[in-house]
Amino acid sequence: MPELGDMMLAARYPTSGDEAGVIRVERIERPRPAAGEVLVEVAVSGVNPTDWKVRRSPPANAFPWIVPNQDGAGVIVEVGEGVPAERVGERVWLWLAQWRRPSGTAAQYVALPAERAVALPEGASVDLGAGLGVPALTADHCLFEDGPLAVGDRVLVQGGAGAVGHAAIELARLAGVRVAATVSNEEKAALAASAGAELVIDYTREDVVSRLREWSPEGVKRIIEVDLSRNLELDAKVVAPGGSIVVYAVYPEPVRAPRELMAANARIQFMLLYTIPDDAKLAAVANVTQALEAGALTELPATRFALADTAAAHDAVERGAVGKVLIDVRAPDQP
């Protein structure tokens, strides 16, 4: 039996049986870092839509138990063979902690490959770090993988107040790109504007196409798309010749490709962060790190939960909570 000091609290769920996907918070054995890994004491865990979606349909024959959540921030407390000892004590943000592994960040400690624990610059909070990961890396890939954007180029971010949309606006502005964003209410409009969108359109009460064509008569070079089935007709009317629509979320409704896309020689490109090539992931990590060091990335308003309420945190993301849902793994009064 492990000693009490070798244990930790973790939220986890079984992947099979009658309670598959049901989260329990339990005391389990603390992991140790293998060669090339680091052990991180997690301060804050970030929740993304893929976390609850995977939990609802756990992968068959993968792991008997899963500790969820890909993103988080904390401090390295131990390193495995081949990792510089100087990394102990380093504040880090975490990305894809649970990808193809049984244990994510909804636990007091997580062991993961050293490259997935990235130094947090001085002045960057653990809340900011915990909210990066999936959203920021997705946003960076959507913006830049389909070719470079020049200073002054114009892009459209559909859903500019979401975590991916917010990061896309800030990363684009850092690159000197001009940004328009769509939102669904005044609260979200304020978030998109504060991130740096120069044109914010409430699609529930404004004519998006006319506003965009007035702002950018030649169309927009790139569209970051969260809901292709709803927006493709609109996108086809505003994409610039040779432009691209990069889709990072999929909805089940079928879509019809408008003729305008052919006339514009436009592209529709899908992406899923988890399965893009490793070199593309690392390129996005490098870009996000540069943006952090430049102070260009900011926190979204947070809805907070305790580790004991991890299931409720997942439910909040599923219901579409505005801003970022965070889990305080380390008690707020701890240093």
C-alpha atoms as a PDB file:
ATOM      1  CA  MET A   1       0.000   0.000   0.000  1.00  0.00           C
ATOM      2  CA  PRO A   2       1.350   3.491  -0.805  1.00  0.00           C
ATOM      3  CA  GLU A   3       2.071   5.860   2.062  1.00  0.00           C
ATOM      4  CA  LEU A   4      -0.368   8.751   2.663  1.00  0.00           C
ATOM      5  CA  GLY A   5       2.246  11.188   1.358  1.00  0.00           C
ATOM      6  CA  ASP A   6       2.260   9.324  -1.947  1.00  0.00           C
ATOM      7  CA  MET A   7      -1.472   9.919  -2.488  1.00  0.00           C
ATOM      8  CA  MET A   8      -3.411  12.769  -4.094  1.00  0.00           C
ATOM      9  CA  LEU A   9      -6.968  13.878  -4.750  1.00  0.00           C
ATOM     10  CA  ALA A  10      -8.218  13.487  -8.304  1.00  0.00           C
ATOM     11  CA  ALA A  11     -11.491  13.697 -10.189  1.00  0.00           C
ATOM     12  CA  ARG A  12     -11.822  10.619 -12.396  1.00  0.00           C
ATOM     13  CA  TYR A  13     -14.386   8.459 -14.156  1.00  0.00           C
ATOM     14  CA  PRO A  14     -14.585   4.859 -15.344  1.00  0.00           C
ATOM     15  CA  THR A  15     -14.681   4.287 -19.094  1.00  0.00           C
ATOM     16  CA  SER A  16     -16.928   1.225 -19.010  1.00  0.00           C
ATOM     17  CA  GLY A  17     -19.813  -0.236 -17.037  1.00  0.00           C
ATOM     18  CA  ASP A  18     -23.015   1.347 -15.780  1.00  0.00           C
ATOM     19  CA  GLU A  19     -21.152   4.385 -14.375  1.00  0.00           C
ATOM     20  CA  ALA A  20     -18.991   5.092 -17.418  1.00  0.00           C
ATOM     21  CA  GLY A  21     -18.319   8.827 -17.518  1.00  0.00           C
ATOM     22  CA  VAL A  22     -19.547   9.473 -13.965  1.00  0.00           C
ATOM     23  CA  ILE A  23     -16.998  11.617 -12.146  1.00  0.00           C
ATOM     24  CA  ARG A  24     -15.880  10.735  -8.646  1.00  0.00           C
ATOM     25  CA  VAL A  25     -13.353  12.667  -6.576  1.00  0.00           C
ATOM     26  CA  GLU A  26     -11.123  10.146  -4.844  1.00  0.00           C
ATOM     27  CA  ARG A  27      -7.748   9.746  -3.201  1.00  0.00           C
ATOM     28  CA  ILE A  28      -5.477   7.833  -5.574  1.00  0.00           C
ATOM     29  CA  GLU A  29      -1.785   7.155  -5.909  1.00  0.00           C
ATOM     30  CA  ARG A  30       0.299  10.144  -6.968  1.00  0.00           C
ATOM     31  CA  PRO A  31       2.124   9.596 -10.275  1.00  0.00           C
ATOM     32  CA  ARG A  32       5.872   9.709 -10.779  1.00  0.00           C
ATOM     33  CA  PRO A  33       7.455  11.232 -13.881  1.00  0.00           C
ATOM     34  CA  ALA A  34       8.909   8.754 -16.353  1.00  0.00           C
ATOM     35  CA  ALA A  35      11.923   9.514 -18.550  1.00  0.00           C
ATOM     36  CA  GLY A  36      11.320  12.740 -20.460  1.00  0.00           C
ATOM     37  CA  GLU A  37       8.426  13.747 -18.199  1.00  0.00           C
ATOM     38  CA  VAL A  38       7.799  16.268 -15.444  1.00  0.00           C
ATOM     39  CA  LEU A  39       5.506  16.083 -12.425  1.00  0.00           C
ATOM     40  CA  VAL A  40       3.421  19.227 -11.977  1.00  0.00           C
ATOM     41  CA  GLU A  41       1.545  20.275  -8.875  1.00  0.00           C
ATOM     42  CA  VAL A  42      -1.608  21.656 -10.458  1.00  0.00           C
ATOM     43  CA  ALA A  43      -2.948  24.975  -9.221  1.00  0.00           C
ATOM     44  CA  VAL A  44      -5.769  25.544 -11.721  1.00  0.00           C
ATOM     45  CA  SER A  45      -7.337  23.234 -14.291  1.00  0.00           C
ATOM     46  CA  GLY A  46      -9.064  24.605 -17.402  1.00  0.00           C
ATOM     47  CA  VAL A  47     -12.148  22.939 -18.892  1.00  0.00           C
ATOM     48  CA  ASN A  48     -12.849  22.723 -22.629  1.00  0.00           C
ATOM     49  CA  PRO A  49     -15.789  21.322 -24.605  1.00  0.00           C
ATOM     50  CA  THR A  50     -13.774  18.268 -25.651  1.00  0.00           C
ATOM     51  CA  ASP A  51     -13.314  17.342 -21.985  1.00  0.00           C
ATOM     52  CA  TRP A  52     -17.017  16.760 -21.368  1.00  0.00           C
ATOM     53  CA  LYS A  53     -17.621  15.361 -24.864  1.00  0.00           C
ATOM     54  CA  VAL A  54     -15.005  12.635 -24.405  1.00  0.00           C
ATOM     55  CA  ARG A  55     -16.433  11.873 -20.978  1.00  0.00           C
ATOM     56  CA  ARG A  56     -19.903  11.365 -22.462  1.00  0.00           C
ATOM     57  CA  SER A  57     -18.510   8.813 -24.944  1.00  0.00           C
ATOM     58  CA  PRO A  58     -15.360   7.365 -23.346  1.00  0.00           C
ATOM     59  CA  PRO A  59     -12.976   5.732 -25.824  1.00  0.00           C
ATOM     60  CA  ALA A  60     -13.380   1.965 -25.832  1.00  0.00           C
ATOM     61  CA  ASN A  61     -10.477  -0.228 -24.710  1.00  0.00           C
ATOM     62  CA  ALA A  62      -8.308   2.760 -23.823  1.00  0.00           C
ATOM     63  CA  PHE A  63      -7.905   3.154 -20.069  1.00  0.00           C
ATOM     64  CA  PRO A  64     -10.144   1.804 -17.295  1.00  0.00           C
ATOM     65  CA  TRP A  65     -10.174   5.216 -15.575  1.00  0.00           C
ATOM     66  CA  ILE A  66      -9.594   8.741 -16.884  1.00  0.00           C
ATOM     67  CA  VAL A  67      -8.692  11.883 -14.956  1.00  0.00           C
ATOM     68  CA  PRO A  68     -10.073  14.553 -17.333  1.00  0.00           C
ATOM     69  CA  ASN A  69      -8.985  17.978 -18.605  1.00  0.00           C
ATOM     70  CA  GLN A  70      -6.239  18.831 -21.046  1.00  0.00           C
ATOM     71  CA  ASP A  71      -5.272  22.310 -19.818  1.00  0.00           C
ATOM     72  CA  GLY A  72      -3.961  23.703 -16.574  1.00  0.00           C
ATOM     73  CA  ALA A  73      -1.193  25.578 -14.801  1.00  0.00           C
ATOM     74  CA  GLY A  74       0.997  24.890 -11.812  1.00  0.00           C
ATOM     75  CA  VAL A  75       4.571  24.271 -10.681  1.00  0.00           C
ATOM     76  CA  ILE A  76       7.017  21.528 -11.630  1.00  0.00           C
ATOM     77  CA  VAL A  77       7.936  19.595  -8.478  1.00  0.00           C
ATOM     78  CA  GLU A  78       9.859  16.643  -9.942  1.00  0.00           C
ATOM     79  CA  VAL A  79      11.521  15.723 -13.220  1.00  0.00           C
ATOM     80  CA  GLY A  80      12.152  12.394 -14.907  1.00  0.00           C
ATOM     81  CA  GLU A  81      15.359  11.124 -16.432  1.00  0.00           C
ATOM     82  CA  GLY A  82      16.649  13.366 -19.204  1.00  0.00           C
ATOM     83  CA  VAL A  83      14.851  16.522 -18.028  1.00  0.00           C
ATOM     84  CA  PRO A  84      17.054  19.292 -16.571  1.00  0.00           C
ATOM     85  CA  ALA A  85      16.791  19.420 -12.782  1.00  0.00           C
ATOM     86  CA  GLU A  86      16.688  23.216 -13.054  1.00  0.00           C
ATOM     87  CA  ARG A  87      13.063  22.944 -14.175  1.00  0.00           C
ATOM     88  CA  VAL A  88      11.974  22.037 -10.623  1.00  0.00           C
ATOM     89  CA  GLY A  89      10.153  25.071  -9.225  1.00  0.00           C
ATOM     90  CA  GLU A  90       9.246  26.433 -12.679  1.00  0.00           C
ATOM     91  CA  ARG A  91       5.726  27.834 -13.130  1.00  0.00           C
ATOM     92  CA  VAL A  92       4.189  26.282 -16.209  1.00  0.00           C
ATOM     93  CA  TRP A  93       1.084  26.141 -18.386  1.00  0.00           C
ATOM     94  CA  LEU A  94       0.013  22.733 -19.626  1.00  0.00           C
ATOM     95  CA  TRP A  95      -1.358  21.580 -22.973  1.00  0.00           C
ATOM     96  CA  LEU A  96      -2.862  18.242 -24.044  1.00  0.00           C
ATOM     97  CA  ALA A  97      -2.058  16.760 -20.645  1.00  0.00           C
ATOM     98  CA  GLN A  98      -4.591  13.954 -21.070  1.00  0.00           C
ATOM     99  CA  TRP A  99      -4.247  13.315 -24.821  1.00  0.00           C
ATOM    100  CA  ARG A 100      -3.690   9.560 -25.265  1.00  0.00           C
ATOM    101  CA  ARG A 101      -2.980   9.336 -21.535  1.00  0.00           C
ATOM    102  CA  PRO A 102      -5.178   8.334 -18.591  1.00  0.00           C
ATOM    103  CA  SER A 103      -4.506  11.383 -16.424  1.00  0.00           C
ATOM    104  CA  GLY A 104      -5.251  15.039 -17.062  1.00  0.00           C
ATOM    105  CA  THR A 105      -5.202  18.163 -14.910  1.00  0.00           C
ATOM    106  CA  ALA A 106      -8.278  17.567 -12.703  1.00  0.00           C
ATOM    107  CA  ALA A 107      -5.939  16.289  -9.997  1.00  0.00           C
ATOM    108  CA  GLN A 108      -3.474  17.668  -7.493  1.00  0.00           C
ATOM    109  CA  TYR A 109      -0.563  16.311  -9.566  1.00  0.00           C
ATOM    110  CA  VAL A 110      -0.108  15.299 -13.188  1.00  0.00           C
ATOM    111  CA  ALA A 111       2.867  13.691 -14.923  1.00  0.00           C
ATOM    112  CA  LEU A 112       3.238  14.552 -18.598  1.00  0.00           C
ATOM    113  CA  PRO A 113       5.872  14.943 -21.334  1.00  0.00           C
ATOM    114  CA  ALA A 114       8.205  17.824 -20.527  1.00  0.00           C
ATOM    115  CA  GLU A 115       7.395  19.717 -23.744  1.00  0.00           C
ATOM    116  CA  ARG A 116       3.727  19.901 -22.715  1.00  0.00           C
ATOM    117  CA  ALA A 117       4.676  21.936 -19.629  1.00  0.00           C
ATOM    118  CA  VAL A 118       5.720  25.381 -20.869  1.00  0.00           C
ATOM    119  CA  ALA A 119       7.244  28.110 -18.715  1.00  0.00           C
ATOM    120  CA  LEU A 120       4.840  30.865 -17.683  1.00  0.00           C
ATOM    121  CA  PRO A 121       6.493  34.274 -18.108  1.00  0.00           C
ATOM    122  CA  GLU A 122       6.791  36.519 -15.088  1.00  0.00           C
ATOM    123  CA  GLY A 123       3.573  38.472 -14.688  1.00  0.00           C
ATOM    124  CA  ALA A 124       1.383  35.839 -16.374  1.00  0.00           C
ATOM    125  CA  SER A 125      -1.087  34.407 -13.883  1.00  0.00           C
ATOM    126  CA  VAL A 126      -1.906  30.746 -13.373  1.00  0.00           C
ATOM    127  CA  ASP A 127      -5.478  31.573 -14.419  1.00  0.00           C
ATOM    128  CA  LEU A 128      -4.210  32.855 -17.753  1.00  0.00           C
ATOM    129  CA  GLY A 129      -1.982  29.812 -18.124  1.00  0.00           C
ATOM    130  CA  ALA A 130      -4.805  27.406 -17.342  1.00  0.00           C
ATOM    131  CA  GLY A 131      -6.971  29.024 -20.018  1.00  0.00           C
ATOM    132  CA  LEU A 132      -4.450  28.654 -22.868  1.00  0.00           C
ATOM    133  CA  GLY A 133      -3.832  25.127 -24.113  1.00  0.00           C
ATOM    134  CA  VAL A 134      -6.593  23.930 -26.406  1.00  0.00           C
ATOM    135  CA  PRO A 135      -8.134  27.365 -27.164  1.00  0.00           C
ATOM    136  CA  ALA A 136      -4.946  29.324 -27.837  1.00  0.00           C
ATOM    137  CA  LEU A 137      -3.200  26.588 -29.810  1.00  0.00           C
ATOM    138  CA  THR A 138      -6.348  26.012 -31.865  1.00  0.00           C
ATOM    139  CA  ALA A 139      -6.645  29.729 -32.557  1.00  0.00           C
ATOM    140  CA  ASP A 140      -3.018  30.009 -33.634  1.00  0.00           C
ATOM    141  CA  HIS A 141      -3.275  27.058 -36.019  1.00  0.00           C
ATOM    142  CA  CYS A 142      -6.514  28.386 -37.509  1.00  0.00           C
ATOM    143  CA  LEU A 143      -4.935  31.771 -38.138  1.00  0.00           C
ATOM    144  CA  PHE A 144      -1.530  30.902 -39.518  1.00  0.00           C
ATOM    145  CA  GLU A 145      -1.285  27.302 -40.739  1.00  0.00           C
ATOM    146  CA  ASP A 146      -3.055  27.983 -44.049  1.00  0.00           C
ATOM    147  CA  GLY A 147      -0.438  30.535 -45.063  1.00  0.00           C
ATOM    148  CA  PRO A 148       0.988  33.758 -43.653  1.00  0.00           C
ATOM    149  CA  LEU A 149      -1.072  36.817 -42.795  1.00  0.00           C
ATOM    150  CA  ALA A 150       0.430  40.198 -43.597  1.00  0.00           C
ATOM    151  CA  VAL A 151       0.129  43.370 -41.580  1.00  0.00           C
ATOM    152  CA  GLY A 152      -3.171  44.959 -42.479  1.00  0.00           C
ATOM    153  CA  ASP A 153      -4.835  41.760 -43.706  1.00  0.00           C
ATOM    154  CA  ARG A 154      -8.432  41.355 -42.545  1.00  0.00           C
ATOM    155  CA  VAL A 155      -9.914  38.308 -40.871  1.00  0.00           C
ATOM    156  CA  LEU A 156     -13.305  37.392 -39.462  1.00  0.00           C
ATOM    157  CA  VAL A 157     -13.641  35.532 -36.173  1.00  0.00           C
ATOM    158  CA  GLN A 158     -17.047  33.913 -35.837  1.00  0.00           C
ATOM    159  CA  GLY A 159     -17.850  33.686 -32.130  1.00  0.00           C
ATOM    160  CA  GLY A 160     -15.404  36.317 -30.957  1.00  0.00           C
ATOM    161  CA  ALA A 161     -16.219  35.992 -27.247  1.00  0.00           C
ATOM    162  CA  GLY A 162     -15.470  32.274 -26.943  1.00  0.00           C
ATOM    163  CA  ALA A 163     -12.126  31.014 -25.673  1.00  0.00           C
ATOM    164  CA  VAL A 164     -10.837  30.196 -29.173  1.00  0.00           C
ATOM    165  CA  GLY A 165     -12.305  33.383 -30.651  1.00  0.00           C
ATOM    166  CA  HIS A 166     -10.820  35.551 -27.884  1.00  0.00           C
ATOM    167  CA  ALA A 167      -7.358  34.052 -28.412  1.00  0.00           C
ATOM    168  CA  ALA A 168      -7.673  34.371 -32.194  1.00  0.00           C
ATOM    169  CA  ILE A 169      -8.432  38.085 -31.927  1.00  0.00           C
ATOM    170  CA  GLU A 170      -5.460  38.734 -29.640  1.00  0.00           C
ATOM    171  CA  LEU A 171      -3.018  36.632 -31.696  1.00  0.00           C
ATOM    172  CA  ALA A 172      -4.150  38.299 -34.913  1.00  0.00           C
ATOM    173  CA  ARG A 173      -3.799  41.787 -33.468  1.00  0.00           C
ATOM    174  CA  LEU A 174      -0.268  40.972 -32.290  1.00  0.00           C
ATOM    175  CA  ALA A 175       0.554  40.085 -35.913  1.00  0.00           C
ATOM    176  CA  GLY A 176      -0.830  43.421 -37.119  1.00  0.00           C
ATOM    177  CA  VAL A 177      -3.938  41.840 -38.632  1.00  0.00           C
ATOM    178  CA  ARG A 178      -7.263  43.685 -38.574  1.00  0.00           C
ATOM    179  CA  VAL A 179     -10.117  41.714 -37.017  1.00  0.00           C
ATOM    180  CA  ALA A 180     -13.887  41.643 -37.248  1.00  0.00           C
ATOM    181  CA  ALA A 181     -15.837  39.419 -34.871  1.00  0.00           C
ATOM    182  CA  THR A 182     -19.411  38.232 -34.518  1.00  0.00           C
ATOM    183  CA  VAL A 183     -21.174  37.851 -31.175  1.00  0.00           C
ATOM    184  CA  SER A 184     -24.698  37.262 -29.892  1.00  0.00           C
ATOM    185  CA  ASN A 185     -25.153  39.897 -27.161  1.00  0.00           C
ATOM    186  CA  GLU A 186     -23.725  43.053 -25.586  1.00  0.00           C
ATOM    187  CA  GLU A 187     -21.725  41.211 -22.919  1.00  0.00           C
ATOM    188  CA  LYS A 188     -19.950  39.184 -25.580  1.00  0.00           C
ATOM    189  CA  ALA A 189     -19.492  42.273 -27.745  1.00  0.00           C
ATOM    190  CA  ALA A 190     -17.582  43.934 -24.916  1.00  0.00           C
ATOM    191  CA  LEU A 191     -15.304  40.886 -24.585  1.00  0.00           C
ATOM    192  CA  ALA A 192     -14.519  40.816 -28.309  1.00  0.00           C
ATOM    193  CA  ALA A 193     -13.856  44.554 -28.408  1.00  0.00           C
ATOM    194  CA  SER A 194     -11.573  44.418 -25.371  1.00  0.00           C
ATOM    195  CA  ALA A 195      -9.578  41.643 -27.075  1.00  0.00           C
ATOM    196  CA  GLY A 196      -8.914  43.997 -29.995  1.00  0.00           C
ATOM    197  CA  ALA A 197     -11.606  43.404 -32.617  1.00  0.00           C
ATOM    198  CA  GLU A 198     -12.084  46.694 -34.464  1.00  0.00           C
ATOM    199  CA  LEU A 199     -15.474  45.665 -35.832  1.00  0.00           C
ATOM    200  CA  VAL A 200     -17.878  43.740 -33.595  1.00  0.00           C
ATOM    201  CA  ILE A 201     -21.218  42.642 -35.052  1.00  0.00           C
ATOM    202  CA  ASP A 202     -24.170  41.309 -33.077  1.00  0.00           C
ATOM    203  CA  TYR A 203     -25.512  38.749 -35.522  1.00  0.00           C
ATOM    204  CA  THR A 204     -28.842  38.544 -33.681  1.00  0.00           C
ATOM    205  CA  ARG A 205     -29.808  42.104 -34.661  1.00  0.00           C
ATOM    206  CA  GLU A 206     -27.456  43.315 -37.398  1.00  0.00           C
ATOM    207  CA  ASP A 207     -26.910  42.495 -41.065  1.00  0.00           C
ATOM    208  CA  VAL A 208     -23.523  40.789 -40.829  1.00  0.00           C
ATOM    209  CA  VAL A 209     -22.815  40.698 -44.565  1.00  0.00           C
ATOM    210  CA  SER A 210     -23.475  44.385 -45.153  1.00  0.00           C
ATOM    211  CA  ARG A 211     -21.436  45.428 -42.102  1.00  0.00           C
ATOM    212  CA  LEU A 212     -18.517  43.269 -43.213  1.00  0.00           C
ATOM    213  CA  ARG A 213     -18.655  44.416 -46.845  1.00  0.00           C
ATOM    214  CA  GLU A 214     -18.674  48.019 -45.712  1.00  0.00           C
ATOM    215  CA  TRP A 215     -15.639  47.353 -43.503  1.00  0.00           C
ATOM    216  CA  SER A 216     -13.783  45.224 -46.048  1.00  0.00           C
ATOM    217  CA  PRO A 217     -15.158  45.640 -49.591  1.00  0.00           C
ATOM    218  CA  GLU A 218     -12.704  43.081 -51.026  1.00  0.00           C
ATOM    219  CA  GLY A 219     -13.690  40.469 -48.458  1.00  0.00           C
ATOM    220  CA  VAL A 220     -11.748  38.891 -45.610  1.00  0.00           C
ATOM    221  CA  LYS A 221      -8.692  36.734 -46.177  1.00  0.00           C
ATOM    222  CA  ARG A 222      -9.419  34.198 -43.453  1.00  0.00           C
ATOM    223  CA  ILE A 223     -12.492  33.197 -41.475  1.00  0.00           C
ATOM    224  CA  ILE A 224     -12.134  31.393 -38.139  1.00  0.00           C
ATOM    225  CA  GLU A 225     -15.327  29.360 -38.010  1.00  0.00           C
ATOM    226  CA  VAL A 226     -17.068  27.795 -35.008  1.00  0.00           C
ATOM    227  CA  ASP A 227     -20.383  26.826 -36.648  1.00  0.00           C
ATOM    228  CA  LEU A 228     -20.071  25.995 -40.333  1.00  0.00           C
ATOM    229  CA  SER A 229     -23.616  24.686 -40.716  1.00  0.00           C
ATOM    230  CA  ARG A 230     -25.075  28.006 -39.561  1.00  0.00           C
ATOM    231  CA  ASN A 231     -22.584  30.366 -41.146  1.00  0.00           C
ATOM    232  CA  LEU A 232     -21.390  28.907 -44.465  1.00  0.00           C
ATOM    233  CA  GLU A 233     -23.825  30.899 -46.610  1.00  0.00           C
ATOM    234  CA  LEU A 234     -22.685  34.081 -44.860  1.00  0.00           C
ATOM    235  CA  ASP A 235     -19.000  33.128 -45.055  1.00  0.00           C
ATOM    236  CA  ALA A 236     -19.268  32.549 -48.801  1.00  0.00           C
ATOM    237  CA  LYS A 237     -20.525  36.105 -49.274  1.00  0.00           C
ATOM    238  CA  VAL A 238     -17.637  37.757 -47.412  1.00  0.00           C
ATOM    239  CA  VAL A 239     -14.562  35.593 -48.022  1.00  0.00           C
ATOM    240  CA  ALA A 240     -11.970  37.256 -50.259  1.00  0.00           C
ATOM    241  CA  PRO A 241     -10.786  35.675 -53.525  1.00  0.00           C
ATOM    242  CA  GLY A 242      -8.338  32.919 -52.609  1.00  0.00           C
ATOM    243  CA  GLY A 243      -9.352  33.170 -48.953  1.00  0.00           C
ATOM    244  CA  SER A 244      -9.992  30.322 -46.560  1.00  0.00           C
ATOM    245  CA  ILE A 245     -12.564  29.276 -43.986  1.00  0.00           C
ATOM    246  CA  VAL A 246     -10.881  27.348 -41.169  1.00  0.00           C
ATOM    247  CA  VAL A 247     -13.307  25.241 -39.109  1.00  0.00           C
ATOM    248  CA  TYR A 248     -12.432  24.044 -35.607  1.00  0.00           C
ATOM    249  CA  ALA A 249     -15.825  22.762 -34.416  1.00  0.00           C
ATOM    250  CA  VAL A 250     -18.235  20.402 -36.155  1.00  0.00           C
ATOM    251  CA  TYR A 251     -22.014  20.360 -35.891  1.00  0.00           C
ATOM    252  CA  PRO A 252     -24.131  17.451 -37.170  1.00  0.00           C
ATOM    253  CA  GLU A 253     -26.261  19.365 -39.674  1.00  0.00           C
ATOM    254  CA  PRO A 254     -25.310  18.876 -43.352  1.00  0.00           C
ATOM    255  CA  VAL A 255     -24.134  21.892 -45.323  1.00  0.00           C
ATOM    256  CA  ARG A 256     -24.468  22.913 -48.977  1.00  0.00           C
ATOM    257  CA  ALA A 257     -21.407  24.447 -50.579  1.00  0.00           C
ATOM    258  CA  PRO A 258     -22.483  27.819 -52.051  1.00  0.00           C
ATOM    259  CA  ARG A 259     -21.410  28.647 -55.597  1.00  0.00           C
ATOM    260  CA  GLU A 260     -19.724  31.828 -54.321  1.00  0.00           C
ATOM    261  CA  LEU A 261     -16.966  29.660 -52.833  1.00  0.00           C
ATOM    262  CA  MET A 262     -16.056  28.341 -56.286  1.00  0.00           C
ATOM    263  CA  ALA A 263     -16.171  31.800 -57.804  1.00  0.00           C
ATOM    264  CA  ALA A 264     -13.818  33.041 -55.084  1.00  0.00           C
ATOM    265  CA  ASN A 265     -11.492  30.030 -55.368  1.00  0.00           C
ATOM    266  CA  ALA A 266     -11.940  29.805 -51.609  1.00  0.00           C
ATOM    267  CA  ARG A 267     -11.050  26.874 -49.381  1.00  0.00           C
ATOM    268  CA  ILE A 268     -12.765  25.193 -46.459  1.00  0.00           C
ATOM    269  CA  GLN A 269     -10.226  23.654 -44.108  1.00  0.00           C
ATOM    270  CA  PHE A 270     -11.020  21.581 -41.035  1.00  0.00           C
ATOM    271  CA  MET A 271      -8.686  21.198 -38.088  1.00  0.00           C
ATOM    272  CA  LEU A 272      -8.585  19.303 -34.798  1.00  0.00           C
ATOM    273  CA  LEU A 273      -5.759  20.260 -32.481  1.00  0.00           C
ATOM    274  CA  TYR A 274      -5.299  16.736 -31.163  1.00  0.00           C
ATOM    275  CA  THR A 275      -4.489  15.245 -34.562  1.00  0.00           C
ATOM    276  CA  ILE A 276      -2.521  17.973 -36.341  1.00  0.00           C
ATOM    277  CA  PRO A 277       1.155  17.033 -36.862  1.00  0.00           C
ATOM    278  CA  ASP A 278       3.446  17.324 -33.861  1.00  0.00           C
ATOM    279  CA  ASP A 279       5.580  19.979 -35.554  1.00  0.00           C
ATOM    280  CA  ALA A 280       2.443  22.077 -36.106  1.00  0.00           C
ATOM    281  CA  LYS A 281       1.542  21.724 -32.409  1.00  0.00           C
ATOM    282  CA  LEU A 282       5.030  22.830 -31.363  1.00  0.00           C
ATOM    283  CA  ALA A 283       4.939  25.755 -33.797  1.00  0.00           C
ATOM    284  CA  ALA A 284       1.681  26.910 -32.205  1.00  0.00           C
ATOM    285  CA  VAL A 285       3.196  26.506 -28.726  1.00  0.00           C
ATOM    286  CA  ALA A 286       6.124  28.708 -29.776  1.00  0.00           C
ATOM    287  CA  ASN A 287       3.794  31.386 -31.170  1.00  0.00           C
ATOM    288  CA  VAL A 288       1.606  31.382 -28.059  1.00  0.00           C
ATOM    289  CA  THR A 289       4.717  31.593 -25.864  1.00  0.00           C
ATOM    290  CA  GLN A 290       5.912  34.648 -27.801  1.00  0.00           C
ATOM    291  CA  ALA A 291       2.486  36.232 -27.390  1.00  0.00           C
ATOM    292  CA  LEU A 292       2.596  35.573 -23.643  1.00  0.00           C
ATOM    293  CA  GLU A 293       6.039  37.117 -23.367  1.00  0.00           C
ATOM    294  CA  ALA A 294       4.766  40.156 -25.275  1.00  0.00           C
ATOM    295  CA  GLY A 295       1.843  40.511 -22.849  1.00  0.00           C
ATOM    296  CA  ALA A 296      -0.588  40.146 -25.752  1.00  0.00           C
ATOM    297  CA  LEU A 297      -2.825  37.461 -24.211  1.00  0.00           C
ATOM    298  CA  THR A 298      -5.348  38.226 -21.489  1.00  0.00           C
ATOM    299  CA  GLU A 299      -7.713  36.283 -19.260  1.00  0.00           C
ATOM    300  CA  LEU A 300     -11.379  35.820 -19.991  1.00  0.00           C
ATOM    301  CA  PRO A 301     -13.836  36.270 -17.117  1.00  0.00           C
ATOM    302  CA  ALA A 302     -13.781  33.039 -15.132  1.00  0.00           C
ATOM    303  CA  THR A 303     -16.460  30.839 -13.637  1.00  0.00           C
ATOM    304  CA  ARG A 304     -14.735  28.917 -10.850  1.00  0.00           C
ATOM    305  CA  PHE A 305     -15.326  25.535  -9.278  1.00  0.00           C
ATOM    306  CA  ALA A 306     -13.615  23.470  -6.614  1.00  0.00           C
ATOM    307  CA  LEU A 307     -12.025  20.131  -7.515  1.00  0.00           C
ATOM    308  CA  ALA A 308     -14.911  18.406  -5.723  1.00  0.00           C
ATOM    309  CA  ASP A 309     -17.273  20.041  -8.236  1.00  0.00           C
ATOM    310  CA  THR A 310     -15.501  18.942 -11.411  1.00  0.00           C
ATOM    311  CA  ALA A 311     -18.691  17.402 -12.807  1.00  0.00           C
ATOM    312  CA  ALA A 312     -20.495  20.726 -12.336  1.00  0.00           C
ATOM    313  CA  ALA A 313     -17.637  22.502 -14.126  1.00  0.00           C
ATOM    314  CA  HIS A 314     -18.080  20.192 -17.108  1.00  0.00           C
ATOM    315  CA  ASP A 315     -21.823  20.851 -17.049  1.00  0.00           C
ATOM    316  CA  ALA A 316     -21.179  24.617 -17.094  1.00  0.00           C
ATOM    317  CA  VAL A 317     -19.068  24.323 -20.251  1.00  0.00           C
ATOM    318  CA  GLU A 318     -21.711  22.129 -21.873  1.00  0.00           C
ATOM    319  CA  ARG A 319     -24.341  24.789 -21.120  1.00  0.00           C
ATOM    320  CA  GLY A 320     -22.210  27.436 -22.842  1.00  0.00           C
ATOM    321  CA  ALA A 321     -20.816  29.429 -19.903  1.00  0.00           C
ATOM    322  CA  VAL A 322     -19.463  32.800 -21.053  1.00  0.00           C
ATOM    323  CA  GLY A 323     -15.746  33.214 -20.490  1.00  0.00           C
ATOM    324  CA  LYS A 324     -13.553  30.443 -19.124  1.00  0.00           C
ATOM    325  CA  VAL A 325     -14.486  27.669 -16.696  1.00  0.00           C
ATOM    326  CA  LEU A 326     -11.665  27.003 -14.223  1.00  0.00           C
ATOM    327  CA  ILE A 327     -11.241  24.460 -11.436  1.00  0.00           C
ATOM    328  CA  ASP A 328      -9.274  25.528  -8.371  1.00  0.00           C
ATOM    329  CA  VAL A 329      -7.256  22.399  -7.660  1.00  0.00           C
ATOM    330  CA  ARG A 330      -5.057  24.108  -5.122  1.00  0.00           C
ATOM    331  CA  ALA A 331      -7.125  25.734  -2.376  1.00  0.00           C
ATOM    332  CA  PRO A 332      -7.324  29.544  -2.841  1.00  0.00           C
ATOM    333  CA  ASP A 333      -5.568  30.184   0.486  1.00  0.00           C
ATOM    334  CA  GLN A 334      -2.562  28.031  -0.437  1.00  0.00           C
ATOM    335  CA  PRO A 335       0.571  29.811  -1.670  1.00  0.00           C
END
